[in-house]
Amino acid sequence: MLAFRAGDARAFETLVRRHRDPVFNFILRFTGHAARAEDVLQETWLKVVRSAPEYETRAKFTTWLYTIARNLCVDSARKESYRQTASLEAPMTGAEGEEGRSLGEALPDEGASPERGAYNARIRPLLERALAGLPEEQREVFVLREYSGIPFKEIAEVTGVPENTVKSRMRYALEGLRRRLAELGVDGDLAEDGKTVAG
């Protein structure tokens, strides 16, 4: 980011290549709508470009980036609040007009073994449904931690709440997911770090 601020355009390409997918996954899970997630992602990168001259290394770049993405997600949710949010199970229209895929099917599967892939294929839609049922602040912490790999300390900076509150929200999220997945017929415990089902 410092190289981009200094005028190196190729540095921006590196940032996008490195962070696009995890940031998109966070936005997609936050908004629940692929087309809106693409719009918010574009706004996020535009804001990075516009804010480059003022960028300072007070925090890690990822903290700054996810803070921008989160704030834009919140703004987008406010703008869309009068509309009924599409179910995670409902077919959606993607950025390229792909129809009929649920949110769970649109999410990338990061190179799992065949056994793990089969397990994820069965669990993923149930996890997405359970995740959608969590309160927003718990879902946000779970997604940032488990899908984007952001440490609790950085999540606290992104969300603007104390680290202990973030950990508490994660604990409640895991408990809520365990309960909901049990109701949906998924056996086994959700690991403390969420990896059992987040994969």
N, C-alpha and C. Protein backbone atom coordinates (compact mmCIF):
# COMPACT_ATOMS: atom_id res chain seq x y z
N MET A 1 0.83 -1.20 0.00
CA MET A 1 0.00 0.00 0.00
C MET A 1 0.87 1.25 0.00
N LEU A 2 1.96 1.21 0.72
CA LEU A 2 2.87 2.36 0.73
C LEU A 2 3.46 2.58 -0.66
N ALA A 3 3.75 1.48 -1.37
CA ALA A 3 4.28 1.60 -2.74
C ALA A 3 3.21 2.21 -3.65
N PHE A 4 1.96 1.80 -3.48
CA PHE A 4 0.89 2.36 -4.30
C PHE A 4 0.70 3.84 -3.98
N ARG A 5 0.76 4.18 -2.70
CA ARG A 5 0.63 5.59 -2.31
C ARG A 5 1.74 6.43 -2.93
N ALA A 6 2.91 5.79 -3.11
CA ALA A 6 4.04 6.50 -3.70
C ALA A 6 3.97 6.56 -5.23
N GLY A 7 2.92 5.94 -5.82
CA GLY A 7 2.73 6.07 -7.26
C GLY A 7 2.96 4.82 -8.08
N ASP A 8 3.20 3.67 -7.42
CA ASP A 8 3.44 2.43 -8.14
C ASP A 8 2.09 1.75 -8.43
N ALA A 9 1.60 1.86 -9.66
CA ALA A 9 0.30 1.31 -10.04
C ALA A 9 0.29 -0.22 -9.94
N ARG A 10 1.44 -0.86 -10.20
CA ARG A 10 1.49 -2.32 -10.12
C ARG A 10 1.27 -2.81 -8.70
N ALA A 11 1.62 -1.99 -7.72
CA ALA A 11 1.41 -2.37 -6.32
C ALA A 11 -0.08 -2.53 -6.04
N PHE A 12 -0.90 -1.71 -6.67
CA PHE A 12 -2.36 -1.83 -6.48
C PHE A 12 -2.86 -3.16 -7.03
N GLU A 13 -2.33 -3.57 -8.20
CA GLU A 13 -2.71 -4.86 -8.77
C GLU A 13 -2.37 -5.99 -7.81
N THR A 14 -1.23 -5.88 -7.15
CA THR A 14 -0.81 -6.89 -6.18
C THR A 14 -1.78 -6.94 -5.00
N LEU A 15 -2.18 -5.77 -4.52
CA LEU A 15 -3.13 -5.70 -3.40
C LEU A 15 -4.45 -6.37 -3.78
N VAL A 16 -4.96 -6.05 -4.96
CA VAL A 16 -6.23 -6.61 -5.40
C VAL A 16 -6.11 -8.12 -5.55
N ARG A 17 -5.04 -8.59 -6.17
CA ARG A 17 -4.84 -10.03 -6.38
C ARG A 17 -4.77 -10.76 -5.04
N ARG A 18 -4.11 -10.17 -4.08
CA ARG A 18 -3.90 -10.81 -2.77
C ARG A 18 -5.17 -10.81 -1.91
N HIS A 19 -5.95 -9.75 -1.98
CA HIS A 19 -7.05 -9.58 -1.01
C HIS A 19 -8.45 -9.67 -1.61
N ARG A 20 -8.58 -9.72 -2.94
CA ARG A 20 -9.91 -9.67 -3.54
C ARG A 20 -10.84 -10.78 -3.05
N ASP A 21 -10.40 -12.05 -3.14
CA ASP A 21 -11.28 -13.16 -2.79
C ASP A 21 -11.71 -13.16 -1.32
N PRO A 22 -10.78 -13.03 -0.36
CA PRO A 22 -11.24 -13.03 1.03
C PRO A 22 -12.16 -11.85 1.37
N VAL A 23 -11.88 -10.68 0.80
CA VAL A 23 -12.74 -9.52 1.06
C VAL A 23 -14.11 -9.74 0.41
N PHE A 24 -14.12 -10.29 -0.81
CA PHE A 24 -15.40 -10.57 -1.46
C PHE A 24 -16.22 -11.56 -0.65
N ASN A 25 -15.58 -12.62 -0.13
CA ASN A 25 -16.30 -13.61 0.68
C ASN A 25 -16.90 -12.97 1.92
N PHE A 26 -16.15 -12.09 2.56
CA PHE A 26 -16.67 -11.38 3.73
C PHE A 26 -17.90 -10.54 3.34
N ILE A 27 -17.78 -9.78 2.27
CA ILE A 27 -18.88 -8.92 1.83
C ILE A 27 -20.09 -9.76 1.42
N LEU A 28 -19.85 -10.86 0.71
CA LEU A 28 -20.94 -11.73 0.26
C LEU A 28 -21.69 -12.29 1.45
N ARG A 29 -20.97 -12.74 2.46
CA ARG A 29 -21.64 -13.29 3.63
C ARG A 29 -22.34 -12.20 4.43
N PHE A 30 -21.82 -11.01 4.39
CA PHE A 30 -22.45 -9.89 5.10
C PHE A 30 -23.74 -9.47 4.40
N THR A 31 -23.70 -9.36 3.07
CA THR A 31 -24.86 -8.86 2.33
C THR A 31 -25.84 -9.97 1.93
N GLY A 32 -25.31 -11.20 1.70
CA GLY A 32 -26.15 -12.30 1.28
C GLY A 32 -26.64 -12.20 -0.16
N HIS A 33 -26.04 -11.33 -0.94
CA HIS A 33 -26.51 -11.11 -2.32
C HIS A 33 -25.30 -10.87 -3.21
N ALA A 34 -25.10 -11.72 -4.22
CA ALA A 34 -23.88 -11.68 -5.02
C ALA A 34 -23.69 -10.37 -5.78
N ALA A 35 -24.76 -9.88 -6.42
CA ALA A 35 -24.62 -8.65 -7.21
C ALA A 35 -24.29 -7.46 -6.30
N ARG A 36 -24.95 -7.39 -5.15
CA ARG A 36 -24.68 -6.29 -4.22
C ARG A 36 -23.26 -6.42 -3.66
N ALA A 37 -22.82 -7.66 -3.41
CA ALA A 37 -21.46 -7.89 -2.91
C ALA A 37 -20.43 -7.40 -3.92
N GLU A 38 -20.67 -7.65 -5.21
CA GLU A 38 -19.75 -7.16 -6.25
C GLU A 38 -19.70 -5.63 -6.25
N ASP A 39 -20.88 -5.00 -6.10
CA ASP A 39 -20.93 -3.53 -6.06
C ASP A 39 -20.15 -2.99 -4.87
N VAL A 40 -20.36 -3.60 -3.71
CA VAL A 40 -19.67 -3.14 -2.50
C VAL A 40 -18.16 -3.37 -2.63
N LEU A 41 -17.78 -4.49 -3.25
CA LEU A 41 -16.35 -4.76 -3.45
C LEU A 41 -15.73 -3.67 -4.33
N GLN A 42 -16.43 -3.30 -5.42
CA GLN A 42 -15.91 -2.24 -6.29
C GLN A 42 -15.79 -0.92 -5.53
N GLU A 43 -16.82 -0.61 -4.72
CA GLU A 43 -16.77 0.62 -3.91
C GLU A 43 -15.60 0.58 -2.94
N THR A 44 -15.33 -0.61 -2.39
CA THR A 44 -14.21 -0.76 -1.44
C THR A 44 -12.90 -0.41 -2.12
N TRP A 45 -12.66 -0.97 -3.32
CA TRP A 45 -11.40 -0.70 -4.01
C TRP A 45 -11.32 0.75 -4.48
N LEU A 46 -12.46 1.33 -4.87
CA LEU A 46 -12.46 2.75 -5.24
C LEU A 46 -12.08 3.62 -4.04
N LYS A 47 -12.60 3.24 -2.87
CA LYS A 47 -12.27 4.01 -1.67
C LYS A 47 -10.79 3.86 -1.31
N VAL A 48 -10.24 2.67 -1.52
CA VAL A 48 -8.81 2.47 -1.29
C VAL A 48 -8.00 3.40 -2.19
N VAL A 49 -8.39 3.47 -3.47
CA VAL A 49 -7.69 4.34 -4.43
C VAL A 49 -7.80 5.81 -4.00
N ARG A 50 -9.03 6.23 -3.69
CA ARG A 50 -9.25 7.64 -3.32
C ARG A 50 -8.56 8.01 -2.01
N SER A 51 -8.46 7.04 -1.09
CA SER A 51 -7.88 7.32 0.22
C SER A 51 -6.38 7.10 0.28
N ALA A 52 -5.80 6.62 -0.81
CA ALA A 52 -4.36 6.31 -0.81
C ALA A 52 -3.49 7.47 -0.36
N PRO A 53 -3.74 8.72 -0.79
CA PRO A 53 -2.86 9.81 -0.37
C PRO A 53 -2.85 10.04 1.15
N GLU A 54 -3.98 9.69 1.82
CA GLU A 54 -4.05 9.90 3.28
C GLU A 54 -3.69 8.65 4.07
N TYR A 55 -3.41 7.53 3.37
CA TYR A 55 -3.14 6.28 4.08
C TYR A 55 -1.90 6.41 4.96
N GLU A 56 -2.05 5.97 6.22
CA GLU A 56 -0.93 5.94 7.16
C GLU A 56 -0.89 4.56 7.78
N THR A 57 0.29 4.15 8.21
CA THR A 57 0.46 2.79 8.75
C THR A 57 0.18 2.74 10.24
N ARG A 58 -0.94 3.31 10.65
CA ARG A 58 -1.31 3.22 12.07
C ARG A 58 -1.80 1.81 12.41
N ALA A 59 -2.37 1.13 11.43
CA ALA A 59 -2.86 -0.24 11.62
C ALA A 59 -2.42 -1.07 10.41
N LYS A 60 -2.58 -2.38 10.51
CA LYS A 60 -2.25 -3.23 9.37
C LYS A 60 -3.15 -2.88 8.19
N PHE A 61 -2.65 -3.09 7.00
CA PHE A 61 -3.44 -2.80 5.79
C PHE A 61 -4.75 -3.58 5.80
N THR A 62 -4.69 -4.86 6.21
CA THR A 62 -5.92 -5.66 6.21
C THR A 62 -6.97 -5.08 7.15
N THR A 63 -6.54 -4.57 8.29
CA THR A 63 -7.49 -3.95 9.23
C THR A 63 -8.16 -2.76 8.57
N TRP A 64 -7.37 -1.93 7.92
CA TRP A 64 -7.88 -0.74 7.24
C TRP A 64 -8.84 -1.15 6.11
N LEU A 65 -8.44 -2.16 5.32
CA LEU A 65 -9.24 -2.62 4.20
C LEU A 65 -10.58 -3.18 4.66
N TYR A 66 -10.56 -4.05 5.68
CA TYR A 66 -11.81 -4.65 6.17
C TYR A 66 -12.70 -3.62 6.86
N THR A 67 -12.10 -2.61 7.45
CA THR A 67 -12.91 -1.53 8.04
C THR A 67 -13.68 -0.80 6.95
N ILE A 68 -13.00 -0.50 5.85
CA ILE A 68 -13.66 0.14 4.70
C ILE A 68 -14.79 -0.75 4.19
N ALA A 69 -14.49 -2.04 3.97
CA ALA A 69 -15.49 -2.97 3.45
C ALA A 69 -16.68 -3.09 4.39
N ARG A 70 -16.42 -3.20 5.68
CA ARG A 70 -17.49 -3.33 6.66
C ARG A 70 -18.39 -2.10 6.66
N ASN A 71 -17.78 -0.92 6.68
CA ASN A 71 -18.56 0.32 6.69
C ASN A 71 -19.43 0.43 5.44
N LEU A 72 -18.89 0.03 4.29
CA LEU A 72 -19.68 0.07 3.06
C LEU A 72 -20.81 -0.98 3.09
N CYS A 73 -20.55 -2.13 3.72
CA CYS A 73 -21.61 -3.13 3.88
C CYS A 73 -22.75 -2.58 4.73
N VAL A 74 -22.39 -1.91 5.82
CA VAL A 74 -23.40 -1.33 6.71
C VAL A 74 -24.21 -0.28 5.96
N ASP A 75 -23.52 0.58 5.20
CA ASP A 75 -24.22 1.59 4.39
C ASP A 75 -25.15 0.93 3.39
N SER A 76 -24.67 -0.12 2.72
CA SER A 76 -25.48 -0.82 1.73
C SER A 76 -26.70 -1.45 2.38
N ALA A 77 -26.52 -2.03 3.56
CA ALA A 77 -27.64 -2.65 4.27
C ALA A 77 -28.70 -1.61 4.63
N ARG A 78 -28.25 -0.42 5.02
CA ARG A 78 -29.20 0.64 5.35
C ARG A 78 -30.00 1.04 4.11
N LYS A 79 -29.29 1.16 2.97
CA LYS A 79 -29.97 1.55 1.73
C LYS A 79 -30.97 0.49 1.28
N GLU A 80 -30.66 -0.77 1.56
CA GLU A 80 -31.51 -1.87 1.11
C GLU A 80 -32.51 -2.30 2.17
N SER A 81 -32.56 -1.61 3.31
CA SER A 81 -33.36 -2.09 4.45
C SER A 81 -34.85 -2.17 4.13
N TYR A 82 -35.31 -1.39 3.17
CA TYR A 82 -36.74 -1.44 2.82
C TYR A 82 -37.07 -2.64 1.95
N ARG A 83 -36.03 -3.29 1.39
CA ARG A 83 -36.26 -4.47 0.57
C ARG A 83 -36.14 -5.72 1.42
N GLN A 84 -36.86 -6.73 1.04
CA GLN A 84 -36.75 -8.00 1.75
C GLN A 84 -35.47 -8.68 1.31
N THR A 85 -34.64 -9.07 2.28
CA THR A 85 -33.38 -9.72 1.98
C THR A 85 -33.65 -11.11 1.43
N ALA A 86 -32.99 -11.44 0.33
CA ALA A 86 -33.17 -12.76 -0.29
C ALA A 86 -32.65 -13.84 0.65
N SER A 87 -33.34 -14.94 0.67
CA SER A 87 -32.91 -16.08 1.47
C SER A 87 -31.61 -16.63 0.90
N LEU A 88 -30.79 -17.19 1.78
CA LEU A 88 -29.55 -17.81 1.31
C LEU A 88 -29.84 -19.03 0.43
N GLU A 89 -31.04 -19.59 0.59
CA GLU A 89 -31.39 -20.76 -0.19
C GLU A 89 -32.01 -20.38 -1.54
N ALA A 90 -32.45 -19.14 -1.67
CA ALA A 90 -33.13 -18.72 -2.90
C ALA A 90 -32.13 -18.56 -4.02
N PRO A 91 -32.53 -18.85 -5.25
CA PRO A 91 -31.64 -18.60 -6.38
C PRO A 91 -31.27 -17.13 -6.45
N MET A 92 -30.06 -16.85 -6.89
CA MET A 92 -29.62 -15.46 -6.97
C MET A 92 -29.03 -15.22 -8.35
N THR A 93 -28.91 -13.95 -8.69
CA THR A 93 -28.30 -13.57 -9.95
C THR A 93 -26.92 -13.01 -9.65
N GLY A 94 -25.90 -13.59 -10.25
CA GLY A 94 -24.54 -13.14 -10.00
C GLY A 94 -24.17 -11.98 -10.88
N ALA A 95 -22.94 -11.51 -10.73
CA ALA A 95 -22.47 -10.36 -11.47
C ALA A 95 -22.48 -10.62 -12.97
N GLU A 96 -22.26 -11.89 -13.36
CA GLU A 96 -22.26 -12.21 -14.78
C GLU A 96 -23.56 -12.83 -15.24
N GLY A 97 -24.64 -12.60 -14.46
CA GLY A 97 -25.94 -13.09 -14.86
C GLY A 97 -26.17 -14.56 -14.60
N GLU A 98 -25.31 -15.20 -13.81
CA GLU A 98 -25.51 -16.60 -13.53
C GLU A 98 -26.72 -16.76 -12.63
N GLU A 99 -27.68 -17.56 -13.04
CA GLU A 99 -28.94 -17.69 -12.32
C GLU A 99 -29.00 -19.04 -11.63
N GLY A 100 -29.81 -19.10 -10.58
CA GLY A 100 -30.15 -20.37 -9.98
C GLY A 100 -29.17 -20.94 -8.98
N ARG A 101 -28.15 -20.21 -8.60
CA ARG A 101 -27.20 -20.72 -7.61
C ARG A 101 -27.51 -20.09 -6.26
N SER A 102 -27.40 -20.89 -5.19
CA SER A 102 -27.59 -20.34 -3.86
C SER A 102 -26.27 -19.72 -3.40
N LEU A 103 -26.32 -18.97 -2.32
CA LEU A 103 -25.11 -18.36 -1.78
C LEU A 103 -24.07 -19.43 -1.46
N GLY A 104 -24.50 -20.53 -0.86
CA GLY A 104 -23.57 -21.60 -0.51
C GLY A 104 -22.84 -22.15 -1.72
N GLU A 105 -23.54 -22.25 -2.86
CA GLU A 105 -22.91 -22.77 -4.07
C GLU A 105 -21.97 -21.77 -4.71
N ALA A 106 -22.17 -20.48 -4.44
CA ALA A 106 -21.34 -19.45 -5.06
C ALA A 106 -20.01 -19.29 -4.36
N LEU A 107 -19.90 -19.80 -3.14
CA LEU A 107 -18.68 -19.62 -2.37
C LEU A 107 -17.63 -20.62 -2.83
N PRO A 108 -16.38 -20.17 -2.95
CA PRO A 108 -15.35 -21.09 -3.42
C PRO A 108 -15.02 -22.16 -2.40
N ASP A 109 -14.65 -23.33 -2.88
CA ASP A 109 -14.23 -24.41 -2.00
C ASP A 109 -12.72 -24.52 -2.14
N GLU A 110 -12.01 -24.20 -1.07
CA GLU A 110 -10.56 -24.09 -1.14
C GLU A 110 -9.88 -25.46 -1.13
N GLY A 111 -9.81 -26.12 -2.31
CA GLY A 111 -9.02 -27.32 -2.54
C GLY A 111 -9.11 -28.38 -1.48
N ALA A 112 -10.29 -28.88 -1.19
CA ALA A 112 -10.44 -29.90 -0.17
C ALA A 112 -10.16 -31.28 -0.75
N SER A 113 -9.84 -32.25 0.14
CA SER A 113 -9.71 -33.64 -0.27
C SER A 113 -11.09 -34.13 -0.72
N PRO A 114 -11.16 -35.27 -1.45
CA PRO A 114 -12.48 -35.76 -1.87
C PRO A 114 -13.43 -35.99 -0.70
N GLU A 115 -12.92 -36.60 0.40
CA GLU A 115 -13.78 -36.84 1.57
C GLU A 115 -14.23 -35.52 2.18
N ARG A 116 -13.28 -34.61 2.33
CA ARG A 116 -13.59 -33.30 2.91
C ARG A 116 -14.52 -32.53 1.97
N GLY A 117 -14.28 -32.67 0.66
CA GLY A 117 -15.13 -31.99 -0.31
C GLY A 117 -16.58 -32.47 -0.23
N ALA A 118 -16.75 -33.80 -0.09
CA ALA A 118 -18.11 -34.35 0.03
C ALA A 118 -18.76 -33.86 1.32
N TYR A 119 -17.97 -33.86 2.39
CA TYR A 119 -18.49 -33.38 3.68
C TYR A 119 -18.91 -31.91 3.57
N ASN A 120 -18.03 -31.09 2.97
CA ASN A 120 -18.33 -29.67 2.81
C ASN A 120 -19.55 -29.44 1.93
N ALA A 121 -19.69 -30.25 0.88
CA ALA A 121 -20.84 -30.10 -0.02
C ALA A 121 -22.14 -30.34 0.73
N ARG A 122 -22.12 -31.26 1.67
CA ARG A 122 -23.32 -31.56 2.46
C ARG A 122 -23.54 -30.50 3.54
N ILE A 123 -22.45 -30.09 4.18
CA ILE A 123 -22.55 -29.20 5.34
C ILE A 123 -22.71 -27.74 4.94
N ARG A 124 -22.07 -27.32 3.86
CA ARG A 124 -22.01 -25.90 3.50
C ARG A 124 -23.38 -25.21 3.46
N PRO A 125 -24.38 -25.77 2.75
CA PRO A 125 -25.68 -25.08 2.72
C PRO A 125 -26.31 -24.98 4.11
N LEU A 126 -26.10 -26.02 4.94
CA LEU A 126 -26.66 -25.99 6.29
C LEU A 126 -25.94 -24.96 7.15
N LEU A 127 -24.61 -24.88 6.98
CA LEU A 127 -23.85 -23.87 7.72
C LEU A 127 -24.28 -22.47 7.30
N GLU A 128 -24.44 -22.25 5.99
CA GLU A 128 -24.84 -20.93 5.52
C GLU A 128 -26.21 -20.55 6.07
N ARG A 129 -27.11 -21.53 6.14
CA ARG A 129 -28.44 -21.25 6.69
C ARG A 129 -28.34 -20.92 8.18
N ALA A 130 -27.54 -21.71 8.90
CA ALA A 130 -27.35 -21.45 10.33
C ALA A 130 -26.67 -20.10 10.55
N LEU A 131 -25.69 -19.79 9.72
CA LEU A 131 -24.95 -18.52 9.83
C LEU A 131 -25.88 -17.33 9.59
N ALA A 132 -26.78 -17.47 8.63
CA ALA A 132 -27.72 -16.39 8.32
C ALA A 132 -28.66 -16.10 9.49
N GLY A 133 -28.87 -17.11 10.34
CA GLY A 133 -29.76 -16.93 11.48
C GLY A 133 -29.11 -16.28 12.69
N LEU A 134 -27.79 -16.09 12.65
CA LEU A 134 -27.11 -15.45 13.78
C LEU A 134 -27.38 -13.94 13.79
N PRO A 135 -27.34 -13.33 14.97
CA PRO A 135 -27.38 -11.86 15.00
C PRO A 135 -26.20 -11.30 14.20
N GLU A 136 -26.40 -10.15 13.58
CA GLU A 136 -25.41 -9.58 12.66
C GLU A 136 -24.03 -9.46 13.29
N GLU A 137 -23.95 -8.98 14.55
CA GLU A 137 -22.62 -8.76 15.15
C GLU A 137 -21.89 -10.08 15.39
N GLN A 138 -22.62 -11.16 15.68
CA GLN A 138 -21.98 -12.47 15.84
C GLN A 138 -21.54 -13.03 14.48
N ARG A 139 -22.41 -12.91 13.48
CA ARG A 139 -22.08 -13.40 12.13
C ARG A 139 -20.85 -12.69 11.59
N GLU A 140 -20.79 -11.38 11.80
CA GLU A 140 -19.66 -10.58 11.32
C GLU A 140 -18.35 -11.07 11.91
N VAL A 141 -18.31 -11.29 13.23
CA VAL A 141 -17.09 -11.75 13.89
C VAL A 141 -16.72 -13.14 13.39
N PHE A 142 -17.69 -14.04 13.27
CA PHE A 142 -17.42 -15.39 12.81
C PHE A 142 -16.83 -15.38 11.40
N VAL A 143 -17.42 -14.60 10.52
CA VAL A 143 -16.96 -14.54 9.12
C VAL A 143 -15.56 -13.95 9.04
N LEU A 144 -15.31 -12.86 9.76
CA LEU A 144 -13.97 -12.25 9.73
C LEU A 144 -12.92 -13.21 10.27
N ARG A 145 -13.26 -13.96 11.32
CA ARG A 145 -12.29 -14.87 11.94
C ARG A 145 -12.10 -16.14 11.11
N GLU A 146 -13.20 -16.79 10.77
CA GLU A 146 -13.11 -18.12 10.16
C GLU A 146 -12.93 -18.12 8.66
N TYR A 147 -13.51 -17.17 7.97
CA TYR A 147 -13.41 -17.16 6.51
C TYR A 147 -12.32 -16.22 6.01
N SER A 148 -12.03 -15.16 6.76
CA SER A 148 -10.99 -14.23 6.33
C SER A 148 -9.71 -14.36 7.13
N GLY A 149 -9.73 -15.11 8.24
CA GLY A 149 -8.53 -15.37 9.02
C GLY A 149 -7.99 -14.16 9.76
N ILE A 150 -8.86 -13.22 10.10
CA ILE A 150 -8.43 -12.00 10.79
C ILE A 150 -8.31 -12.29 12.29
N PRO A 151 -7.20 -11.93 12.93
CA PRO A 151 -7.05 -12.14 14.37
C PRO A 151 -8.06 -11.31 15.17
N PHE A 152 -8.39 -11.79 16.38
CA PHE A 152 -9.37 -11.10 17.22
C PHE A 152 -9.01 -9.64 17.46
N LYS A 153 -7.74 -9.37 17.66
CA LYS A 153 -7.32 -7.99 17.93
C LYS A 153 -7.68 -7.08 16.76
N GLU A 154 -7.44 -7.55 15.53
CA GLU A 154 -7.77 -6.75 14.35
C GLU A 154 -9.28 -6.64 14.15
N ILE A 155 -10.00 -7.73 14.46
CA ILE A 155 -11.47 -7.67 14.35
C ILE A 155 -12.00 -6.59 15.29
N ALA A 156 -11.39 -6.47 16.47
CA ALA A 156 -11.80 -5.43 17.42
C ALA A 156 -11.61 -4.05 16.80
N GLU A 157 -10.50 -3.86 16.08
CA GLU A 157 -10.25 -2.57 15.43
C GLU A 157 -11.24 -2.33 14.28
N VAL A 158 -11.52 -3.38 13.51
CA VAL A 158 -12.44 -3.26 12.37
C VAL A 158 -13.85 -2.90 12.85
N THR A 159 -14.30 -3.58 13.91
CA THR A 159 -15.67 -3.41 14.38
C THR A 159 -15.83 -2.27 15.38
N GLY A 160 -14.71 -1.81 15.96
CA GLY A 160 -14.78 -0.71 16.91
C GLY A 160 -15.28 -1.09 18.28
N VAL A 161 -15.10 -2.38 18.65
CA VAL A 161 -15.48 -2.83 20.00
C VAL A 161 -14.26 -3.48 20.66
N PRO A 162 -14.27 -3.60 22.00
CA PRO A 162 -13.12 -4.21 22.68
C PRO A 162 -12.90 -5.67 22.26
N GLU A 163 -11.65 -6.12 22.37
CA GLU A 163 -11.30 -7.48 21.96
C GLU A 163 -12.09 -8.52 22.75
N ASN A 164 -12.33 -8.29 24.04
CA ASN A 164 -13.10 -9.24 24.84
C ASN A 164 -14.54 -9.36 24.32
N THR A 165 -15.09 -8.25 23.83
CA THR A 165 -16.44 -8.29 23.25
C THR A 165 -16.44 -9.12 21.98
N VAL A 166 -15.38 -8.97 21.18
CA VAL A 166 -15.25 -9.77 19.95
C VAL A 166 -15.20 -11.25 20.30
N LYS A 167 -14.39 -11.62 21.30
CA LYS A 167 -14.28 -13.03 21.69
C LYS A 167 -15.61 -13.56 22.23
N SER A 168 -16.31 -12.72 22.96
CA SER A 168 -17.62 -13.10 23.48
C SER A 168 -18.60 -13.34 22.34
N ARG A 169 -18.58 -12.45 21.34
CA ARG A 169 -19.47 -12.62 20.18
C ARG A 169 -19.13 -13.90 19.43
N MET A 170 -17.84 -14.22 19.34
CA MET A 170 -17.43 -15.45 18.66
C MET A 170 -17.95 -16.66 19.42
N ARG A 171 -17.83 -16.62 20.75
CA ARG A 171 -18.32 -17.74 21.56
C ARG A 171 -19.82 -17.93 21.38
N TYR A 172 -20.57 -16.82 21.41
CA TYR A 172 -22.02 -16.91 21.20
C TYR A 172 -22.36 -17.39 19.79
N ALA A 173 -21.55 -16.97 18.81
CA ALA A 173 -21.76 -17.41 17.43
C ALA A 173 -21.57 -18.92 17.32
N LEU A 174 -20.50 -19.43 17.92
CA LEU A 174 -20.24 -20.87 17.88
C LEU A 174 -21.36 -21.65 18.58
N GLU A 175 -21.81 -21.14 19.73
CA GLU A 175 -22.90 -21.81 20.44
C GLU A 175 -24.17 -21.80 19.60
N GLY A 176 -24.47 -20.65 18.98
CA GLY A 176 -25.65 -20.55 18.14
C GLY A 176 -25.58 -21.47 16.93
N LEU A 177 -24.38 -21.55 16.31
CA LEU A 177 -24.21 -22.43 15.16
C LEU A 177 -24.34 -23.90 15.56
N ARG A 178 -23.74 -24.27 16.69
CA ARG A 178 -23.87 -25.66 17.17
C ARG A 178 -25.35 -26.02 17.35
N ARG A 179 -26.07 -25.13 18.02
CA ARG A 179 -27.49 -25.37 18.32
C ARG A 179 -28.29 -25.50 17.01
N ARG A 180 -28.09 -24.55 16.10
CA ARG A 180 -28.86 -24.55 14.85
C ARG A 180 -28.50 -25.75 13.97
N LEU A 181 -27.21 -26.09 13.90
CA LEU A 181 -26.79 -27.24 13.09
C LEU A 181 -27.34 -28.54 13.67
N ALA A 182 -27.40 -28.64 15.00
CA ALA A 182 -28.00 -29.83 15.63
C ALA A 182 -29.47 -29.93 15.24
N GLU A 183 -30.17 -28.79 15.22
CA GLU A 183 -31.58 -28.77 14.79
C GLU A 183 -31.72 -29.21 13.34
N LEU A 184 -30.69 -28.91 12.52
CA LEU A 184 -30.72 -29.26 11.10
C LEU A 184 -30.20 -30.68 10.85
N GLY A 185 -29.84 -31.39 11.94
CA GLY A 185 -29.43 -32.79 11.82
C GLY A 185 -27.97 -33.03 11.56
N VAL A 186 -27.11 -32.05 11.86
CA VAL A 186 -25.67 -32.24 11.67
C VAL A 186 -25.09 -32.78 12.97
N ASP A 187 -24.43 -33.96 12.87
CA ASP A 187 -23.81 -34.57 14.05
C ASP A 187 -22.43 -33.99 14.26
N GLY A 188 -21.91 -34.15 15.45
CA GLY A 188 -20.54 -33.73 15.75
C GLY A 188 -20.49 -32.33 16.27
N ASP A 189 -19.36 -32.04 16.93
CA ASP A 189 -19.18 -30.73 17.54
C ASP A 189 -18.57 -29.77 16.56
N LEU A 190 -18.94 -28.52 16.69
CA LEU A 190 -18.28 -27.44 15.98
C LEU A 190 -17.02 -27.13 16.76
N ALA A 191 -15.87 -27.25 16.12
CA ALA A 191 -14.61 -27.01 16.81
C ALA A 191 -14.56 -25.59 17.35
N GLU A 192 -13.77 -25.39 18.36
CA GLU A 192 -13.67 -24.08 19.01
C GLU A 192 -13.27 -23.01 18.04
N ASP A 193 -12.49 -23.36 17.01
CA ASP A 193 -12.09 -22.35 16.03
C ASP A 193 -13.02 -22.33 14.82
N GLY A 194 -14.08 -23.16 14.85
CA GLY A 194 -15.05 -23.16 13.77
C GLY A 194 -14.66 -24.03 12.58
N LYS A 195 -13.44 -24.62 12.60
CA LYS A 195 -12.93 -25.28 11.40
C LYS A 195 -13.69 -26.57 11.06
N THR A 196 -14.36 -27.17 12.02
CA THR A 196 -15.06 -28.41 11.73
C THR A 196 -16.04 -28.23 10.59
N VAL A 197 -16.78 -27.13 10.60
CA VAL A 197 -17.75 -26.93 9.54
C VAL A 197 -17.38 -25.80 8.59
N ALA A 198 -16.54 -24.87 9.04
CA ALA A 198 -16.17 -23.77 8.14
C ALA A 198 -15.22 -24.23 7.08
N GLY A 199 -14.49 -25.33 7.40
CA GLY A 199 -13.64 -25.98 6.43
C GLY A 199 -12.50 -25.18 5.96
